[in-house]
Protein backbone atom coordinates (compact mmCIF):
# COMPACT_ATOMS: atom_id res chain seq x y z
CA MET A 1 10.84 -18.46 29.48
CA HIS A 2 7.93 -20.85 28.90
CA TYR A 3 7.31 -20.25 25.20
CA THR A 4 9.39 -20.64 22.04
CA LEU A 5 9.82 -18.41 19.00
CA ARG A 6 8.36 -21.22 16.90
CA GLN A 7 5.17 -21.15 18.96
CA LEU A 8 4.91 -17.39 18.47
CA GLU A 9 5.62 -17.80 14.77
CA VAL A 10 2.76 -20.28 14.51
CA PHE A 11 0.43 -18.02 16.50
CA VAL A 12 1.20 -15.02 14.24
CA ALA A 13 0.70 -17.04 11.05
CA VAL A 14 -2.64 -18.45 12.25
CA ALA A 15 -3.78 -14.97 13.34
CA GLN A 16 -2.88 -13.48 9.97
CA HIS A 17 -4.43 -16.24 7.85
CA GLU A 18 -7.31 -17.06 10.25
CA SER A 19 -6.69 -20.69 9.34
CA VAL A 20 -4.43 -23.44 10.66
CA SER A 21 -4.09 -25.09 7.25
CA GLN A 22 -3.05 -21.86 5.49
CA ALA A 23 -0.64 -21.03 8.31
CA ALA A 24 0.89 -24.50 8.01
CA ARG A 25 1.49 -24.00 4.26
CA THR A 26 3.09 -20.61 4.89
CA LEU A 27 5.44 -22.05 7.53
CA ALA A 28 6.13 -25.28 5.61
CA LEU A 29 4.83 -27.33 8.55
CA SER A 30 2.29 -30.10 8.73
CA GLN A 31 -1.19 -29.08 9.84
CA SER A 32 -0.80 -31.36 12.86
CA ALA A 33 2.47 -29.71 13.94
CA THR A 34 0.92 -26.26 13.53
CA SER A 35 -2.14 -27.15 15.60
CA THR A 36 0.05 -28.75 18.27
CA ALA A 37 2.33 -25.70 18.59
CA LEU A 38 -0.63 -23.35 18.99
CA ALA A 39 -2.41 -25.65 21.45
CA GLU A 40 0.77 -26.06 23.50
CA LEU A 41 1.22 -22.27 23.74
CA GLU A 42 -2.34 -21.87 25.02
CA ARG A 43 -2.02 -24.83 27.39
CA GLN A 44 1.23 -23.59 28.94
CA PHE A 45 -0.43 -20.33 29.99
CA ASP A 46 -3.94 -21.73 30.50
CA CYS A 47 -5.44 -19.22 28.05
CA GLN A 48 -7.23 -18.99 24.73
CA LEU A 49 -5.92 -16.67 22.02
CA LEU A 50 -8.32 -17.31 19.16
CA ASP A 51 -12.03 -18.02 18.83
CA ARG A 52 -13.42 -20.34 16.18
CA LEU A 53 -16.13 -18.70 14.04
CA GLY A 54 -17.31 -21.20 11.46
CA LYS A 55 -14.22 -22.27 9.52
CA ARG A 56 -12.25 -19.21 10.60
CA LEU A 57 -10.10 -18.55 13.67
CA LYS A 58 -10.45 -14.98 14.95
CA LEU A 59 -8.28 -13.25 17.55
CA ASN A 60 -9.96 -12.64 20.88
CA ALA A 61 -9.08 -9.71 23.17
CA LEU A 62 -5.96 -11.39 24.57
CA GLY A 63 -4.86 -12.45 21.10
CA PHE A 64 -5.17 -8.87 19.85
CA GLN A 65 -2.91 -7.70 22.66
CA LEU A 66 -0.36 -10.44 22.00
CA LEU A 67 -0.14 -10.14 18.19
CA PRO A 68 1.88 -6.87 17.87
CA LYS A 69 4.23 -7.93 20.69
CA ALA A 70 4.80 -11.34 19.09
CA VAL A 71 5.49 -9.77 15.67
CA ALA A 72 7.96 -7.30 17.22
CA LEU A 73 9.78 -10.10 19.07
CA LEU A 74 10.04 -12.21 15.91
CA ASP A 75 11.39 -9.21 13.98
CA ARG A 76 14.07 -8.68 16.61
CA GLY A 77 14.87 -12.38 16.57
CA GLU A 78 15.38 -12.26 12.79
CA GLU A 79 17.76 -9.32 13.19
CA ILE A 80 19.79 -11.25 15.76
CA GLU A 81 19.93 -14.29 13.48
CA GLU A 82 21.12 -12.17 10.53
CA LEU A 83 23.79 -10.60 12.75
CA LEU A 84 25.07 -13.94 14.06
CA ARG A 85 25.25 -15.36 10.56
CA GLY A 86 27.31 -12.37 9.44
CA GLN A 87 25.03 -11.70 6.47
CA GLN A 88 25.22 -8.44 4.54
CA GLY A 89 21.48 -7.97 4.34
CA VAL A 90 19.08 -6.39 6.77
CA GLY A 91 16.59 -9.25 7.00
CA SER A 92 13.26 -9.55 5.21
CA LEU A 93 10.90 -6.72 4.42
CA ASP A 94 7.23 -6.83 3.43
CA VAL A 95 6.25 -3.56 1.77
CA GLY A 96 2.79 -2.62 0.58
CA ALA A 97 2.31 0.17 -1.94
CA THR A 98 -0.72 1.64 -3.63
CA LEU A 99 -0.83 1.46 -7.42
CA THR A 100 0.68 4.82 -8.34
CA ILE A 101 3.52 4.44 -5.85
CA GLY A 102 3.96 0.74 -6.61
CA ASN A 103 4.14 1.18 -10.37
CA TYR A 104 6.25 4.32 -10.56
CA LEU A 105 8.37 4.53 -7.38
CA ALA A 106 8.44 1.36 -5.27
CA THR A 107 10.10 -0.92 -7.82
CA LEU A 108 12.95 1.59 -8.28
CA LEU A 109 13.30 1.92 -4.52
CA ILE A 110 13.44 -1.85 -4.04
CA SER A 111 16.04 -2.19 -6.79
CA ASP A 112 18.22 0.41 -5.05
CA PHE A 113 17.63 -1.26 -1.67
CA MET A 114 18.61 -4.71 -2.97
CA GLN A 115 21.78 -3.35 -4.57
CA ARG A 116 22.83 -1.76 -1.29
CA TYR A 117 21.83 -4.79 0.80
CA PRO A 118 22.22 -7.82 -1.51
CA GLY A 119 21.48 -10.37 1.21
CA SER A 120 18.05 -8.90 1.94
CA ARG A 121 14.66 -10.32 1.00
CA VAL A 122 11.94 -7.90 -0.06
CA ARG A 123 8.34 -8.66 -0.98
CA LEU A 124 6.17 -5.97 -2.59
CA ALA A 125 2.37 -6.06 -2.51
CA VAL A 126 0.68 -3.56 -4.84
CA ARG A 127 -2.94 -2.97 -3.79
CA ASN A 128 -5.36 -0.11 -3.21
CA THR A 129 -5.20 2.12 -0.13
CA ARG A 130 -7.88 0.27 1.83
CA ASN A 131 -6.08 -3.08 1.44
CA ILE A 132 -2.66 -1.65 2.31
CA ILE A 133 -4.05 -0.15 5.53
CA GLU A 134 -5.65 -3.49 6.41
CA GLY A 135 -2.37 -5.32 5.74
CA VAL A 136 -0.49 -3.00 8.09
CA ARG A 137 -3.20 -3.31 10.73
CA GLN A 138 -3.08 -7.12 10.52
CA HIS A 139 0.77 -7.15 10.60
CA THR A 140 1.04 -8.87 7.20
CA LEU A 141 2.93 -5.77 5.97
CA ASP A 142 5.88 -4.15 7.72
CA LEU A 143 5.42 -0.83 5.95
CA GLY A 144 2.80 0.79 3.75
CA LEU A 145 3.24 3.52 1.14
CA ILE A 146 -0.18 5.00 0.46
CA GLU A 147 -1.86 7.87 -1.37
CA GLY A 148 -3.86 9.99 1.03
CA GLN A 149 -4.51 9.69 4.73
CA CYS A 150 -5.09 6.91 7.25
CA ASP A 151 -7.27 7.59 10.28
CA ASP A 152 -6.79 4.20 11.97
CA GLU A 153 -5.69 4.81 15.58
CA ALA A 154 -3.59 1.63 15.53
CA ILE A 155 -1.43 2.98 12.71
CA ILE A 156 1.25 5.68 12.62
CA SER A 157 1.29 7.94 9.55
CA GLN A 158 4.16 10.11 8.37
CA PRO A 159 3.97 12.44 5.34
CA TRP A 160 6.36 11.66 2.50
CA VAL A 161 5.88 13.90 -0.55
CA GLU A 162 2.97 15.88 -1.99
CA ASP A 163 1.11 14.45 -4.97
CA GLU A 164 -1.52 16.01 -7.22
CA LEU A 165 -4.17 14.39 -9.37
CA CYS A 166 -5.01 15.65 -12.84
CA VAL A 167 -8.14 15.30 -14.95
CA PHE A 168 -7.18 14.34 -18.50
CA CYS A 169 -8.51 13.23 -21.85
CA SER A 170 -7.47 12.14 -25.32
CA PRO A 171 -6.23 14.95 -27.61
CA ARG A 172 -9.14 13.98 -29.90
CA HIS A 173 -11.76 14.42 -27.16
CA PRO A 174 -14.19 17.36 -27.62
CA LEU A 175 -12.97 18.91 -24.34
CA ALA A 176 -9.29 18.83 -25.35
CA GLY A 177 -7.80 22.32 -25.38
CA SER A 178 -10.58 23.82 -23.23
CA GLN A 179 -9.47 26.74 -21.07
CA ASN A 180 -12.36 27.15 -18.63
CA LEU A 181 -14.33 24.07 -17.63
CA GLU A 182 -17.03 24.18 -14.98
CA LEU A 183 -17.30 21.18 -12.72
CA GLU A 184 -20.92 20.55 -13.72
CA ARG A 185 -19.76 20.21 -17.33
CA LEU A 186 -17.11 17.69 -16.33
CA LEU A 187 -19.52 15.65 -14.25
CA ARG A 188 -21.71 15.06 -17.32
CA GLU A 189 -18.84 13.39 -19.17
CA ASP A 190 -18.21 9.64 -19.19
CA TRP A 191 -15.55 8.87 -16.56
CA ILE A 192 -13.03 6.05 -16.42
CA MET A 193 -12.55 5.68 -12.67
CA ARG A 194 -10.45 3.78 -10.17
CA GLU A 195 -12.29 1.27 -8.02
CA GLN A 196 -13.88 1.99 -4.64
CA GLY A 197 -11.30 1.88 -1.87
CA SER A 198 -8.51 3.46 -3.92
CA GLY A 199 -6.85 6.64 -2.64
CA THR A 200 -7.25 8.26 -6.07
CA ARG A 201 -11.01 7.66 -6.11
CA MET A 202 -11.38 8.97 -2.54
CA THR A 203 -9.41 12.16 -3.29
CA LEU A 204 -11.45 12.92 -6.41
CA GLU A 205 -14.82 12.29 -4.76
CA GLN A 206 -13.79 14.31 -1.71
CA ALA A 207 -12.84 17.23 -3.96
CA ALA A 208 -16.29 17.20 -5.60
CA ARG A 209 -18.28 16.51 -2.42
CA HIS A 210 -19.84 20.02 -2.38
CA ARG A 211 -21.78 19.31 -5.62
CA ARG A 212 -25.09 17.50 -5.78
CA SER A 213 -24.25 15.93 -9.12
CA ARG A 214 -22.26 12.74 -9.11
CA PHE A 215 -19.67 11.36 -11.49
CA ASN A 216 -21.05 9.57 -14.53
CA THR A 217 -18.89 6.46 -14.17
CA LEU A 218 -18.73 4.52 -17.42
CA LEU A 219 -15.99 2.11 -16.37
CA GLU A 220 -14.10 1.18 -13.20
CA LEU A 221 -10.55 -0.17 -13.51
CA GLU A 222 -8.05 -1.22 -10.86
CA HIS A 223 -4.97 -0.32 -12.87
CA THR A 224 -3.64 3.12 -13.73
CA GLU A 225 -2.26 2.00 -17.10
CA GLY A 226 -5.65 0.54 -18.02
CA ILE A 227 -7.31 3.88 -17.29
CA LYS A 228 -4.77 5.68 -19.48
CA ARG A 229 -5.33 3.27 -22.37
CA ALA A 230 -9.12 3.56 -22.08
CA VAL A 231 -8.95 7.37 -22.10
CA GLU A 232 -6.48 7.36 -25.01
CA SER A 233 -8.99 5.29 -27.01
CA GLY A 234 -11.66 7.94 -26.45
CA LEU A 235 -13.92 6.07 -24.03
CA GLY A 236 -14.09 9.01 -21.62
CA ILE A 237 -12.06 11.21 -19.29
CA GLY A 238 -10.05 10.17 -16.24
CA CYS A 239 -8.26 11.43 -13.17
CA ILE A 240 -5.02 9.99 -11.83
CA SER A 241 -1.72 11.24 -10.43
CA LYS A 242 0.38 13.66 -12.49
CA LEU A 243 3.27 11.32 -11.70
CA ALA A 244 1.60 8.62 -13.82
CA LEU A 245 0.78 11.05 -16.62
CA ARG A 246 3.93 13.05 -17.20
CA ASP A 247 5.39 10.80 -19.92
CA ALA A 248 2.02 10.64 -21.73
CA PHE A 249 1.75 14.43 -21.57
CA ARG A 250 5.27 14.75 -23.02
CA ARG A 251 4.35 12.41 -25.89
CA GLY A 252 1.03 14.19 -26.46
CA SER A 253 -0.99 10.96 -26.26
CA LEU A 254 -3.01 12.49 -23.41
CA VAL A 255 -3.74 16.11 -22.49
CA PRO A 256 -4.65 17.75 -19.15
CA LEU A 257 -7.99 19.44 -18.51
CA PRO A 258 -8.15 22.55 -16.29
CA THR A 259 -10.12 21.99 -13.05
CA PRO A 260 -9.90 25.22 -11.00
CA GLU A 261 -12.90 24.19 -8.87
CA LEU A 262 -11.25 20.97 -7.68
CA ASP A 263 -8.55 20.71 -5.04
CA LEU A 264 -6.76 17.56 -6.16
CA LYS A 265 -3.69 17.80 -3.93
CA ARG A 266 -2.92 14.94 -1.58
CA GLN A 267 0.00 13.42 0.30
CA PHE A 268 1.98 10.27 -0.25
CA THR A 269 2.28 8.78 3.23
CA PHE A 270 4.30 6.16 5.11
CA ILE A 271 2.28 3.99 7.49
CA TRP A 272 3.22 1.29 9.98
CA HIS A 273 1.54 -0.32 12.98
CA ARG A 274 1.80 1.65 16.21
CA HIS A 275 3.31 -1.39 17.98
CA LYS A 276 5.60 -2.32 15.11
CA TYR A 277 9.28 -2.69 15.88
CA LEU A 278 11.10 -0.78 13.14
CA THR A 279 13.84 -3.12 12.04
CA THR A 280 17.04 -1.96 10.38
CA GLY A 281 15.49 -2.90 7.05
CA VAL A 282 12.42 -0.73 7.59
CA ARG A 283 14.50 2.23 8.77
CA GLU A 284 16.88 1.93 5.79
CA PHE A 285 14.00 1.64 3.32
CA LEU A 286 12.40 4.78 4.77
CA ARG A 287 15.71 6.58 4.44
CA LEU A 288 15.96 5.60 0.75
CA CYS A 289 12.41 6.81 0.14
CA ARG A 290 13.21 10.22 1.61
CA GLU A 291 16.50 10.31 -0.29
CA MET A 292 14.67 9.70 -3.59
CA THR A 293 12.27 12.60 -3.06
CA ALA A 294 14.78 15.07 -1.58
CA GLY A 295 14.42 18.41 -3.34
CA ALA A 296 11.09 17.53 -4.98
CA LYS A 297 8.08 19.55 -3.86
CA ARG A 298 5.69 17.21 -5.66
CA SER A 299 5.80 13.62 -6.89
CA ASP A 300 5.91 14.53 -10.61
CA GLU A 301 9.12 16.50 -9.93
CA ILE A 302 11.00 13.39 -8.73
CA ALA A 303 13.90 12.52 -11.03
CA LEU A 304 12.93 9.22 -12.71
CA PRO A 305 14.04 7.37 -15.85
CA TYR A 306 12.21 8.61 -18.93
CA THR A 307 9.82 6.13 -20.56
CA PRO A 308 9.49 6.77 -24.31
């Protein structure tokens, strides 16, 4: 074998960061050692794996082919190292979750996972759907938990549990208590919306795609709790997952609005790269996810701790 795991580790880090200096910081190596390891790998096989575009290093065709295989080999190597050391954990795990899942489910899942496998290392990235998909595609995330669908051919998707959005307002809003609301009436209201690229925003806009009118967006926020607070204060109406609203509905601080013209159902979905080696950690985390939602037809039926 004419390459080392360290060389592959350097190649993967440079490919992910598109920078030798950032890769060096990630690996706790000097920039010189990082450059040397990458250059030696290319020299040994008389090939080039990355192209320099300005200050960035971009994978070329050969590099794209090598990246998933290198990541899989490193994952297997980490499993072997954990086994030989006799550790109780199942290695490291980089999970990406969209905001609703990250705020209401993922932290509980990770807590359960860490209790069962105390020697494990888990990192959670909470971002919107577009960024989670990109992280999985670039191999910076082992597993993604997203709201909605992913059409990237390089990524495998598996359905998890159904979720449903809900349009809502403050109990003091003029529409509160309405029984029959036409979509055109709703579209004229001020909306507090998620940002472009979020699964919630895409589901809502897809549901209203058959209307010429567009949403009157007063404010865009990246955080579900921020949207709830803005709507509670009377700034406008919003639309997020029922999972994120059920405690507020119980308290009466927010109220649902009927939307019979909108199909707001969607799917929480697991995603991973098609060439990803599913380590023991990934498989166990997936099992815990399915265990949490067993018996629930929809996300807001999952048994969770009550937040007063």
